[in-house]
Each structure stands twice: as C-alpha cells, then as structure tokens.
C-alpha cells in the first residue's frame, strides 16, 4: 500500500467556505472593506472584485464570530509561503481551516448547579446513647436487632 497517492489519484473535495449564520449588509460591507484593504498590508494580495465577492462571506463569518479585523488581517497575511503563487487559494484555505469557534454565550459560562445532597442527620440511640444516622430519633441498629430478637423470644415462649 503506497503512502503517497499517485499523481492521478482524485483529490478530496475542498471544504466549502464558511458562511455567516445571519448575513447582513453591514457584515458584507465590513468583510469587503477588509479584503480590499489587504493590499495595503501585504501587496501580494491585490485581489480582483470577483475574488473579493467570493471570499467576503467567509470573512463575514469570522466577523460574525466577533473576530477583530486586525486579528483576521494578521491571520491572513502573516507567515506567507515564498513564493506565493496562488494568493486567493491561500486566503480561501486560511479562512476555512482557521475559522475560530463561536464565542460562548453568558449562559454557557455559568457553572451548572450541583444537585443538592441530602444529609441524614445524626441521632442518639434512646437505649445506649450511640450516635447513628436516621431521619427520626429512635434506636441504633444493634439495639433494634436486640429488641427484635427479644420480641421473637417472647412470641415463641408464649
């Protein structure tokens, strides 16, 4: 079994670009502006309008997950391979593979309440003053067994 696929082997399909859960015009406008501005920070990313339209929903998904625009820009432009032959493919890969998880809501951060443990209180035996756990006062196990044994002897003697 070869470890490296043959050059003619079919490649697995690329994962789809992330999409925002609730697309809005504000998200789209901010995503488009961020992609247009990339060439100021990394001149190799002079993207076409078609490329920007294609990648904008993925950037909008990042913004929807409250990723800061500077963090998105750094993620996309830092540590670039040399030579960079396909900038759009690199952006597509990074936007898909490095998508941050959604931030947890306030109710997700609350520690769940532990179930209340009912503790049975200590009682003192009426006969021998030994402590035992019971919801009600009475006799300890040994005294109950002794009383039951004596009660059985009384019934058999009669």
Protein backbone atom coordinates (compact mmCIF):
# COMPACT_ATOMS: atom_id res chain seq x y z
CA UNK A 1 0.00 0.00 0.00
CA UNK A 2 1.71 3.22 -1.09
CA UNK A 3 1.83 6.01 1.48
CA UNK A 4 1.89 8.75 -1.14
CA UNK A 5 -1.06 8.93 -3.54
CA UNK A 6 -0.32 8.66 -7.20
CA UNK A 7 -0.37 11.95 -9.14
CA UNK A 8 -3.52 10.86 -10.95
CA UNK A 9 -5.39 9.96 -7.76
CA UNK A 10 -8.55 12.01 -7.27
CA UNK A 11 -8.11 14.80 -4.74
CA UNK A 12 -10.61 15.08 -1.91
CA UNK A 13 -13.10 17.90 -2.40
CA UNK A 14 -12.18 21.22 -0.82
CA UNK A 15 -14.27 22.13 2.21
CA UNK A 16 -16.80 24.87 1.50
CA UNK A 17 -16.06 28.44 2.50
CA UNK A 18 -17.63 29.40 5.83
CA UNK A 19 -20.86 31.34 5.59
CA UNK A 20 -22.29 33.72 8.19
CA UNK A 21 -25.31 32.43 10.11
CA UNK A 22 -27.26 35.64 9.54
CA UNK A 23 -25.83 37.60 6.60
CA UNK A 24 -26.37 41.33 6.84
CA UNK A 25 -25.33 44.23 4.66
CA UNK A 26 -23.14 45.59 7.49
CA UNK A 27 -21.21 42.30 7.72
CA UNK A 28 -20.83 42.15 3.96
CA UNK A 29 -19.65 45.76 3.79
CA UNK A 30 -17.09 45.23 6.58
CA UNK A 31 -15.84 41.97 5.03
CA UNK A 32 -15.47 43.58 1.61
CA UNK A 33 -13.60 46.55 3.09
CA UNK A 34 -11.23 44.25 4.98
CA UNK A 35 -10.44 42.24 1.84
CA UNK A 36 -9.95 45.40 -0.27
CA UNK A 37 -7.60 46.78 2.38
CA UNK A 38 -5.37 43.67 2.44
CA UNK A 39 -3.17 45.01 -0.36
CA UNK A 40 -2.11 47.93 1.88
CA UNK A 41 -0.70 45.47 4.41
CA UNK A 42 0.55 42.80 2.00
CA UNK A 43 0.94 43.97 -1.61
CA UNK A 44 0.75 40.38 -2.87
CA UNK A 45 -2.96 40.41 -2.01
CA UNK A 46 -4.20 42.75 -4.73
CA UNK A 47 -7.47 40.87 -5.20
CA UNK A 48 -9.91 41.19 -8.07
CA UNK A 49 -13.53 42.17 -7.48
CA UNK A 50 -14.60 38.59 -8.25
CA UNK A 51 -12.16 37.22 -5.68
CA UNK A 52 -13.43 39.68 -3.08
CA UNK A 53 -17.07 38.72 -3.78
CA UNK A 54 -16.12 35.05 -3.45
CA UNK A 55 -14.21 35.46 -0.15
CA UNK A 56 -16.42 38.11 1.52
CA UNK A 57 -18.94 35.63 3.04
CA UNK A 58 -16.08 33.75 4.75
CA UNK A 59 -14.70 36.96 6.24
CA UNK A 60 -18.25 37.87 7.29
CA UNK A 61 -18.45 34.53 9.15
CA UNK A 62 -15.26 35.47 11.03
CA UNK A 63 -16.66 38.91 11.86
CA UNK A 64 -19.93 37.36 12.98
CA UNK A 65 -17.94 35.25 15.44
CA UNK A 66 -16.57 38.52 16.82
CA UNK A 67 -13.05 38.13 15.44
CA UNK A 68 -11.32 41.52 15.45
CA UNK A 69 -10.49 42.83 11.94
CA UNK A 70 -6.79 43.18 12.89
CA UNK A 71 -6.72 39.55 14.02
CA UNK A 72 -8.30 38.45 10.73
CA UNK A 73 -5.81 40.55 8.77
CA UNK A 74 -2.85 39.07 10.68
CA UNK A 75 -4.16 35.54 10.24
CA UNK A 76 -4.45 36.04 6.50
CA UNK A 77 -1.18 37.89 5.86
CA UNK A 78 1.37 36.60 8.40
CA UNK A 79 3.90 33.86 7.66
CA UNK A 80 3.32 33.71 3.92
CA UNK A 81 4.95 30.97 1.87
CA UNK A 82 7.69 32.01 -0.56
CA UNK A 83 6.99 32.17 -3.41
CA UNK A 84 3.27 32.87 -3.08
CA UNK A 85 1.81 31.57 -6.32
CA UNK A 86 -1.92 31.50 -5.58
CA UNK A 87 -2.89 34.20 -3.07
CA UNK A 88 -6.64 33.58 -3.39
CA UNK A 89 -6.21 29.85 -2.72
CA UNK A 90 -4.13 30.62 0.37
CA UNK A 91 -6.77 33.07 1.64
CA UNK A 92 -9.52 30.52 0.97
CA UNK A 93 -7.60 27.85 2.87
CA UNK A 94 -6.84 30.07 5.85
CA UNK A 95 -10.38 31.43 6.07
CA UNK A 96 -11.73 27.86 6.10
CA UNK A 97 -9.13 25.99 8.17
CA UNK A 98 -8.53 28.65 10.83
CA UNK A 99 -12.14 29.73 11.44
CA UNK A 100 -12.46 30.47 15.17
CA UNK A 101 -15.28 28.81 17.12
CA UNK A 102 -18.25 30.97 18.08
CA UNK A 103 -17.90 32.70 21.42
CA UNK A 104 -19.88 31.06 24.20
CA UNK A 105 -22.95 32.86 25.45
CA UNK A 106 -23.33 34.08 29.00
CA UNK A 107 -25.46 31.06 29.94
CA UNK A 108 -22.73 28.73 28.60
CA UNK A 109 -20.21 30.22 31.03
CA UNK A 110 -22.33 29.62 34.14
CA UNK A 111 -21.17 26.70 36.23
CA UNK A 112 -24.02 24.19 36.44
CA UNK A 113 -25.51 23.86 39.88
CA UNK A 114 -24.62 20.65 41.63
CA UNK A 115 -27.55 18.56 42.74
CA UNK A 116 -28.33 19.14 46.37
CA UNK A 117 -27.11 16.31 48.53
CA UNK A 118 -29.45 15.42 51.36
CA UNK A 119 -27.52 14.60 54.51
CA UNK A 120 -29.26 12.39 57.01
CA UNK A 121 -28.73 13.87 60.49
CA UNK A 122 -27.15 12.13 63.46
CA UNK A 123 -29.47 10.83 66.18
CA UNK A 124 -28.63 9.44 69.61
CA UNK A 125 -29.88 5.97 70.48
CA UNK A 126 -32.57 6.03 73.19
CA UNK A 127 -31.07 2.92 74.84
CA UNK A 128 -27.27 3.10 74.54
CA UNK A 129 -26.59 6.77 73.61
CA UNK A 130 -24.69 5.66 70.47
CA UNK A 131 -24.77 8.12 67.53
CA UNK A 132 -26.35 6.87 64.29
CA UNK A 133 -27.79 8.48 61.15
CA UNK A 134 -31.55 8.49 60.83
CA UNK A 135 -34.22 10.95 59.76
CA UNK A 136 -36.04 10.40 63.06
CA UNK A 137 -34.94 9.67 66.65
CA UNK A 138 -35.11 6.08 67.87
CA UNK A 139 -32.75 3.17 68.40
CA UNK A 140 -29.45 2.24 66.73
CA UNK A 141 -29.20 -0.91 64.60
CA UNK A 142 -27.74 -3.05 67.39
CA UNK A 143 -30.46 -2.04 69.86
CA UNK A 144 -33.17 -2.61 67.23
CA UNK A 145 -31.80 -6.09 66.49
CA UNK A 146 -31.64 -6.87 70.22
CA UNK A 147 -35.24 -5.67 70.69
CA UNK A 148 -36.40 -7.73 67.68
CA UNK A 149 -34.55 -10.81 68.97
CA UNK A 150 -36.11 -10.37 72.43
CA UNK A 151 -39.53 -9.85 70.83
CA UNK A 152 -39.15 -13.09 68.84
CA UNK A 153 -38.20 -14.98 72.04
CA UNK A 154 -41.29 -13.64 73.83
CA UNK A 155 -43.56 -14.82 70.98
CA UNK A 156 -42.03 -18.33 70.88
CA UNK A 157 -42.28 -18.71 74.69
CA UNK A 158 -45.97 -17.88 74.71
